[in-house]
Amino acid sequence: MTPIGRNTPAQPEVVICECFARDGLQHETAILPAAHKAELVDAFAGAGFRRVEATSYSNPAVVPQFADASEVLRLLPRRPGVFYKATCANVRAVERALVDADTGFGANEISVLVSASESHSLKNLKRSRDAQWQNIAEMVEQAGPAFRIIGTVSVAFGCPFEGRVEEAEVIRAVESFVMRGVQWITLGDTTGMATPASVASLTARIMQRFPEVTLIAHFHDTRGTAMANCVAAYEAGVRYFDASFGGVGGHPAKVRYGGGYTGNVCTEDLVNLFETMGIATGIDLAQLLELAARCEAALGRPLNGRVTRSGLNPLLGARAQPRALPGSLDTHHGGRNG
């Protein structure tokens, strides 16, 4: 851990993926212009986020927010060492991603999604789990080596329709991804049902059985547990996390479940917590609250960030002043923790 108060560049100990422009905006009914989205994504990367969700190749009829996916990527400047992620729901989406990549402005990371429960798969993906695994196999084959592929397991800690999800179901999903050559895997707490105990138990079992896998923690704050779950994941060995400025995001606006509120763990609060614990995030703290304010302005309302209102923890001191950005864990795949 980096000592509190130190004002020198530090190699990040955790990598936070900023999800505002994708997982955040999919929950919004107001459509942001493509240029505005690209500006925000570039600002996130400029502040030190080495993974940024840029867009989704979703069906515009289902998620109209991302009808401009290719336009956003075309407008987006690229920074060395940054992974720009696009979500892909089917083979057609991967084909679109490949076209943009061949044109020279596509994403360099894509995510593919399965559910740990049958009911959620049918509700969210309109497919059975068996059909979705066939879909995943075709998507991975189509993508080839063009992207770093992130396999996401939704409702990994509990399903809003079926309740408890057995750890064995999630472990089988991880194994299925690994068999298809996918070794970056996100555990999604889709409606905020995880607890620190369940996080510690599941991540320990996965890491023991699949040491080659890099786990990514994706917690929603539906019940106010996301920050505690992030700390539990860190203590269990996870070093990659998803978060969204203002805690926005969740299921697509036209697909409601989980009580309608499924916001992500809040980026500015999570960065503040990690940095105050002495865990280097690589994020420029002097830009953090400015970015939070820009996200609030983009949506035209106050969001859920606590430190946006209170300010960063005073114990951070000089570390909240402008400083040079460190390097990245993401320049290579160095095993389970990057």
Protein backbone atom coordinates (compact mmCIF):
# COMPACT_ATOMS: atom_id res chain seq x y z
CA MET A 1 0.00 0.00 0.00
CA THR A 2 1.07 3.56 -0.67
CA PRO A 3 1.57 5.68 2.50
CA ILE A 4 -1.15 8.31 3.00
CA GLY A 5 0.09 11.79 2.21
CA ARG A 6 2.69 10.70 -0.33
CA ASN A 7 2.62 12.96 -3.40
CA THR A 8 4.65 10.93 -5.88
CA PRO A 9 3.51 8.78 -8.80
CA ALA A 10 2.72 5.23 -7.72
CA GLN A 11 2.20 2.10 -9.75
CA PRO A 12 -1.52 1.32 -9.45
CA GLU A 13 -2.37 -1.53 -7.13
CA VAL A 14 -5.93 -1.67 -8.47
CA VAL A 15 -7.39 -0.87 -11.90
CA ILE A 16 -10.85 0.69 -11.94
CA CYS A 17 -12.86 0.54 -15.15
CA GLU A 18 -15.01 3.67 -15.55
CA CYS A 19 -18.45 2.52 -16.71
CA PHE A 20 -20.42 5.79 -16.85
CA ALA A 21 -20.55 5.97 -20.66
CA ARG A 22 -21.97 2.45 -21.05
CA ASP A 23 -23.41 0.75 -17.99
CA GLY A 24 -24.28 4.16 -16.59
CA LEU A 25 -25.97 5.60 -19.65
CA GLN A 26 -27.91 2.46 -20.56
CA HIS A 27 -30.14 3.22 -17.58
CA GLU A 28 -30.88 6.75 -18.85
CA THR A 29 -33.75 7.72 -21.12
CA ALA A 30 -32.18 11.03 -22.22
CA ILE A 31 -29.84 10.45 -25.18
CA LEU A 32 -26.46 12.17 -24.90
CA PRO A 33 -24.87 13.36 -28.17
CA ALA A 34 -22.07 11.18 -29.49
CA ALA A 35 -19.53 14.00 -29.25
CA HIS A 36 -20.40 14.55 -25.60
CA LYS A 37 -19.95 10.85 -24.84
CA ALA A 38 -16.58 10.80 -26.61
CA GLU A 39 -15.42 13.86 -24.67
CA LEU A 40 -16.33 12.23 -21.37
CA VAL A 41 -14.64 8.93 -22.25
CA ASP A 42 -11.48 10.78 -23.25
CA ALA A 43 -11.58 12.79 -20.02
CA PHE A 44 -11.84 9.57 -18.01
CA ALA A 45 -8.80 8.15 -19.78
CA GLY A 46 -6.94 11.42 -19.31
CA ALA A 47 -7.50 11.26 -15.57
CA GLY A 48 -5.83 7.86 -15.33
CA PHE A 49 -8.57 5.30 -15.92
CA ARG A 50 -6.81 2.56 -17.89
CA ARG A 51 -10.05 0.73 -18.69
CA VAL A 52 -13.09 2.68 -19.85
CA GLU A 53 -16.43 1.35 -21.07
CA ALA A 54 -16.94 3.41 -24.20
CA THR A 55 -20.16 2.06 -25.70
CA SER A 56 -22.28 -0.96 -26.53
CA TYR A 57 -23.15 -2.57 -29.86
CA SER A 58 -26.71 -3.05 -28.66
CA ASN A 59 -29.80 -3.25 -30.80
CA PRO A 60 -30.94 0.40 -31.01
CA ALA A 61 -34.56 -0.72 -30.72
CA VAL A 62 -33.78 -2.16 -27.29
CA VAL A 63 -31.17 0.34 -26.07
CA PRO A 64 -31.48 3.50 -28.18
CA GLN A 65 -28.76 5.19 -26.13
CA PHE A 66 -26.14 3.29 -28.13
CA ALA A 67 -27.41 3.70 -31.67
CA ASP A 68 -24.34 5.93 -32.10
CA ALA A 69 -21.77 3.30 -31.00
CA SER A 70 -19.60 3.55 -34.11
CA GLU A 71 -19.84 7.34 -34.16
CA VAL A 72 -18.67 7.59 -30.54
CA LEU A 73 -15.68 5.36 -31.26
CA ARG A 74 -14.86 7.32 -34.41
CA LEU A 75 -14.80 10.59 -32.47
CA LEU A 76 -12.81 9.20 -29.55
CA PRO A 77 -9.09 10.07 -29.30
CA ARG A 78 -6.92 7.15 -28.22
CA ARG A 79 -4.43 7.21 -25.37
CA PRO A 80 -1.60 4.68 -25.10
CA GLY A 81 -2.13 1.93 -22.56
CA VAL A 82 -5.89 2.45 -22.30
CA PHE A 83 -8.43 -0.28 -23.03
CA TYR A 84 -11.68 1.03 -24.51
CA LYS A 85 -14.42 -1.53 -24.03
CA ALA A 86 -17.57 -2.17 -26.05
CA THR A 87 -20.28 -4.57 -24.95
CA CYS A 88 -21.41 -7.17 -27.48
CA ALA A 89 -24.64 -9.13 -27.08
CA ASN A 90 -24.45 -11.38 -30.14
CA VAL A 91 -22.44 -12.32 -33.23
CA ARG A 92 -23.83 -9.38 -35.17
CA ALA A 93 -22.45 -7.05 -32.49
CA VAL A 94 -19.01 -8.67 -32.78
CA GLU A 95 -19.15 -8.24 -36.54
CA ARG A 96 -19.86 -4.53 -36.05
CA ALA A 97 -16.94 -4.29 -33.62
CA LEU A 98 -14.64 -5.96 -36.15
CA VAL A 99 -15.71 -3.56 -38.92
CA ASP A 100 -14.91 -0.57 -36.71
CA ALA A 101 -11.62 -2.11 -35.63
CA ASP A 102 -10.63 -2.73 -39.26
CA THR A 103 -11.49 0.88 -40.04
CA GLY A 104 -9.04 1.96 -37.36
CA PHE A 105 -11.25 3.42 -34.66
CA GLY A 106 -12.83 0.42 -32.94
CA ALA A 107 -12.67 -0.82 -29.38
CA ASN A 108 -9.70 -2.89 -28.22
CA GLU A 109 -11.70 -4.76 -25.58
CA ILE A 110 -15.14 -6.33 -25.81
CA SER A 111 -17.35 -7.94 -23.20
CA VAL A 112 -19.65 -10.90 -23.67
CA LEU A 113 -22.34 -11.84 -21.19
CA VAL A 114 -23.99 -14.87 -19.65
CA SER A 115 -26.36 -15.19 -16.70
CA ALA A 116 -25.88 -17.46 -13.72
CA SER A 117 -29.64 -18.13 -13.67
CA GLU A 118 -32.05 -19.26 -16.35
CA SER A 119 -34.70 -16.68 -15.47
CA HIS A 120 -32.32 -13.74 -15.75
CA SER A 121 -30.98 -15.04 -19.06
CA LEU A 122 -34.48 -15.20 -20.50
CA LYS A 123 -35.40 -11.76 -19.14
CA ASN A 124 -32.18 -9.91 -19.97
CA LEU A 125 -30.86 -11.74 -23.03
CA LYS A 126 -34.07 -13.28 -24.42
CA ARG A 127 -32.26 -16.62 -24.63
CA SER A 128 -31.88 -19.72 -22.52
CA ARG A 129 -28.46 -20.21 -20.96
CA ASP A 130 -27.71 -23.09 -23.32
CA ALA A 131 -28.53 -20.89 -26.30
CA GLN A 132 -26.42 -18.08 -24.90
CA TRP A 133 -23.40 -20.36 -24.47
CA GLN A 134 -23.71 -21.34 -28.12
CA ASN A 135 -23.90 -17.63 -28.89
CA ILE A 136 -20.75 -17.02 -26.80
CA ALA A 137 -18.84 -19.76 -28.63
CA GLU A 138 -19.68 -18.17 -31.99
CA MET A 139 -18.82 -14.68 -30.73
CA VAL A 140 -15.42 -15.73 -29.38
CA GLU A 141 -14.60 -17.58 -32.59
CA GLN A 142 -15.67 -14.59 -34.68
CA ALA A 143 -13.67 -12.12 -32.59
CA GLY A 144 -10.46 -14.14 -32.79
CA PRO A 145 -7.42 -12.24 -31.49
CA ALA A 146 -8.75 -8.79 -32.43
CA PHE A 147 -9.80 -7.85 -28.89
CA ARG A 148 -9.18 -8.62 -25.29
CA ILE A 149 -12.37 -10.47 -24.39
CA ILE A 150 -14.06 -10.02 -21.02
CA GLY A 151 -16.52 -12.72 -20.02
CA THR A 152 -19.19 -11.44 -17.65
CA VAL A 153 -21.31 -13.61 -15.36
CA SER A 154 -24.44 -11.68 -14.40
CA VAL A 155 -26.37 -12.30 -11.15
CA ALA A 156 -23.33 -14.16 -9.83
CA PHE A 157 -24.31 -13.51 -6.21
CA GLY A 158 -28.09 -13.80 -6.43
CA CYS A 159 -30.94 -13.51 -8.91
CA PRO A 160 -33.91 -11.15 -8.56
CA PHE A 161 -36.18 -13.86 -10.02
CA GLU A 162 -34.80 -17.08 -8.56
CA GLY A 163 -33.14 -15.89 -5.38
CA ARG A 164 -30.01 -17.75 -4.28
CA VAL A 165 -27.46 -18.65 -6.95
CA GLU A 166 -25.26 -21.56 -6.00
CA GLU A 167 -21.52 -20.97 -6.20
CA ALA A 168 -21.22 -24.14 -8.28
CA GLU A 169 -23.30 -22.50 -11.05
CA VAL A 170 -20.94 -19.53 -11.21
CA ILE A 171 -17.88 -21.79 -11.14
CA ARG A 172 -19.30 -23.78 -14.07
CA ALA A 173 -19.78 -20.52 -15.97
CA VAL A 174 -16.17 -19.52 -15.29
CA GLU A 175 -15.01 -22.95 -16.47
CA SER A 176 -17.05 -22.59 -19.66
CA PHE A 177 -15.40 -19.24 -20.39
CA VAL A 178 -11.94 -20.66 -19.73
CA MET A 179 -12.63 -23.60 -22.05
CA ARG A 180 -13.37 -21.04 -24.77
CA GLY A 181 -10.11 -19.19 -24.14
CA VAL A 182 -11.60 -16.31 -22.11
CA GLN A 183 -9.47 -15.63 -19.04
CA TRP A 184 -10.66 -12.16 -18.02
CA ILE A 185 -13.90 -12.73 -16.14
CA THR A 186 -16.24 -10.27 -14.44
CA LEU A 187 -18.41 -11.37 -11.54
CA GLY A 188 -21.55 -9.24 -11.73
CA ASP A 189 -23.61 -8.46 -8.64
CA THR A 190 -26.37 -7.27 -10.91
CA THR A 191 -28.93 -6.19 -8.34
CA GLY A 192 -26.80 -5.75 -5.23
CA MET A 193 -27.35 -9.09 -3.47
CA ALA A 194 -23.72 -9.86 -2.59
CA THR A 195 -22.27 -9.62 0.91
CA PRO A 196 -18.62 -9.46 1.97
CA ALA A 197 -18.86 -13.09 3.11
CA SER A 198 -20.28 -14.35 -0.19
CA VAL A 199 -17.72 -12.30 -2.13
CA ALA A 200 -14.82 -13.74 -0.12
CA SER A 201 -16.10 -17.29 -0.48
CA LEU A 202 -16.80 -17.26 -4.22
CA THR A 203 -13.66 -15.40 -5.27
CA ALA A 204 -11.46 -17.68 -3.17
CA ARG A 205 -12.93 -20.79 -4.79
CA ILE A 206 -12.53 -19.38 -8.31
CA MET A 207 -8.96 -18.21 -7.74
CA GLN A 208 -7.95 -21.55 -6.28
CA ARG A 209 -9.44 -23.54 -9.14
CA PHE A 210 -8.55 -21.16 -12.00
CA PRO A 211 -5.27 -19.39 -11.14
CA GLU A 212 -4.92 -18.27 -14.76
CA VAL A 213 -8.10 -16.18 -14.56
CA THR A 214 -8.08 -12.43 -13.92
CA LEU A 215 -11.20 -11.62 -11.93
CA ILE A 216 -13.02 -8.30 -12.21
CA ALA A 217 -15.47 -7.24 -9.49
CA HIS A 218 -18.67 -5.53 -10.64
CA PHE A 219 -20.83 -4.58 -7.68
CA HIS A 220 -24.10 -2.68 -7.67
CA ASP A 221 -25.09 -0.56 -4.70
CA THR A 222 -28.79 -1.44 -4.70
CA ARG A 223 -28.71 -2.16 -0.97
CA GLY A 224 -25.75 -0.03 0.07
CA THR A 225 -23.26 -2.89 0.17
CA ALA A 226 -21.09 -2.21 -2.87
CA MET A 227 -18.20 -0.46 -1.10
CA ALA A 228 -17.96 -3.17 1.55
CA ASN A 229 -18.00 -5.80 -1.17
CA CYS A 230 -15.18 -4.05 -3.04
CA VAL A 231 -13.02 -4.13 0.09
CA ALA A 232 -13.86 -7.81 0.58
CA ALA A 233 -12.92 -8.54 -3.04
CA TYR A 234 -9.64 -6.65 -2.65
CA GLU A 235 -8.80 -8.57 0.51
CA ALA A 236 -9.56 -11.80 -1.37
CA GLY A 237 -7.03 -10.87 -4.08
CA VAL A 238 -9.11 -9.12 -6.74
CA ARG A 239 -7.34 -6.13 -8.29
CA TYR A 240 -9.75 -5.11 -11.07
CA PHE A 241 -13.00 -3.30 -10.37
CA ASP A 242 -15.86 -1.70 -12.31
CA ALA A 243 -17.43 1.56 -11.11
CA SER A 244 -19.49 4.46 -12.44
CA PHE A 245 -19.36 8.16 -11.61
CA GLY A 246 -22.28 9.16 -9.44
CA GLY A 247 -23.20 5.49 -8.96
CA VAL A 248 -25.39 5.58 -12.06
CA GLY A 249 -26.32 2.62 -14.19
CA GLY A 250 -27.96 -0.75 -14.16
CA HIS A 251 -30.26 -2.60 -16.47
CA PRO A 252 -31.38 -0.96 -19.74
CA ALA A 253 -34.10 1.65 -19.25
CA LYS A 254 -36.64 -0.50 -21.11
CA VAL A 255 -35.88 -3.66 -19.08
CA ARG A 256 -36.84 -3.18 -15.44
CA TYR A 257 -36.08 -5.59 -12.60
CA GLY A 258 -34.45 -5.56 -9.19
CA GLY A 259 -36.86 -2.93 -7.87
CA GLY A 260 -35.85 -0.49 -10.61
CA TYR A 261 -32.71 0.69 -8.79
CA THR A 262 -29.48 -1.09 -9.61
CA GLY A 263 -26.84 1.65 -9.60
CA ASN A 264 -23.15 0.77 -9.74
CA VAL A 265 -20.62 1.34 -7.02
CA CYS A 266 -19.76 5.04 -7.14
CA THR A 267 -16.40 5.78 -8.75
CA GLU A 268 -15.46 8.87 -6.78
CA ASP A 269 -16.36 7.24 -3.48
CA LEU A 270 -14.46 4.04 -4.33
CA VAL A 271 -11.33 5.92 -5.44
CA ASN A 272 -11.48 8.01 -2.28
CA LEU A 273 -11.77 4.86 -0.14
CA PHE A 274 -8.95 2.96 -1.82
CA GLU A 275 -6.60 5.94 -1.80
CA THR A 276 -7.35 6.70 1.86
CA MET A 277 -6.54 3.06 2.64
CA GLY A 278 -3.20 3.61 0.90
CA ILE A 279 -4.16 1.52 -2.15
CA ALA A 280 -2.97 3.33 -5.28
CA THR A 281 -5.59 3.63 -8.03
CA GLY A 282 -3.55 5.60 -10.57
CA ILE A 283 -6.35 8.18 -10.77
CA ASP A 284 -5.54 11.89 -10.70
CA LEU A 285 -7.38 12.93 -7.53
CA ALA A 286 -7.26 16.58 -8.52
CA GLN A 287 -9.50 15.73 -11.50
CA LEU A 288 -11.78 13.25 -9.75
CA LEU A 289 -14.46 15.59 -8.42
CA GLU A 290 -14.35 17.74 -11.55
CA LEU A 291 -15.21 14.64 -13.57
CA ALA A 292 -18.00 13.79 -11.15
CA ALA A 293 -19.41 17.28 -11.64
CA ARG A 294 -19.21 16.88 -15.43
CA CYS A 295 -21.20 13.65 -15.21
CA GLU A 296 -23.85 15.37 -13.10
CA ALA A 297 -24.02 18.18 -15.65
CA ALA A 298 -24.35 15.67 -18.49
CA LEU A 299 -27.42 14.12 -16.86
CA GLY A 300 -28.77 17.37 -15.49
CA ARG A 301 -29.23 16.27 -11.89
CA PRO A 302 -27.30 15.55 -8.67
CA LEU A 303 -26.00 11.99 -8.56
CA ASN A 304 -25.21 9.66 -5.67
CA GLY A 305 -21.54 10.41 -5.00
CA ARG A 306 -20.93 11.21 -1.36
CA VAL A 307 -17.50 12.76 -1.78
CA THR A 308 -18.95 14.90 -4.57
CA ARG A 309 -20.78 16.71 -1.76
CA SER A 310 -18.31 16.33 1.13
CA GLY A 311 -14.98 16.53 -0.68
CA LEU A 312 -12.22 13.94 -0.61
CA ASN A 313 -10.99 12.60 2.71
CA PRO A 314 -8.74 15.31 4.27
CA LEU A 315 -6.24 12.58 5.21
CA LEU A 316 -5.29 12.39 1.54
CA GLY A 317 -3.72 15.85 1.85
CA ALA A 318 -1.27 16.64 -0.91
CA ARG A 319 -2.22 13.53 -2.85
CA ALA A 320 -5.38 15.29 -3.98
CA GLN A 321 -3.30 17.92 -5.78
CA PRO A 322 -2.35 17.63 -9.49
CA ARG A 323 0.32 15.03 -10.10
CA ALA A 324 1.84 13.01 -12.91
CA LEU A 325 -0.08 9.90 -13.81
CA PRO A 326 1.49 6.52 -13.12
CA GLY A 327 1.80 3.57 -15.45
CA SER A 328 -0.77 0.86 -15.80
CA LEU A 329 -1.32 -2.71 -14.74
CA ASP A 330 -3.10 -3.20 -18.04
CA THR A 331 -0.17 -3.17 -20.45
CA HIS A 332 0.08 -6.94 -20.20
CA HIS A 333 -1.73 -9.92 -18.76
CA GLY A 334 0.34 -10.93 -15.77
CA GLY A 335 -1.86 -13.65 -14.30
CA ARG A 336 -4.66 -13.69 -11.77
CA ASN A 337 -4.12 -10.20 -10.43
CA GLY A 338 -2.78 -8.70 -13.62
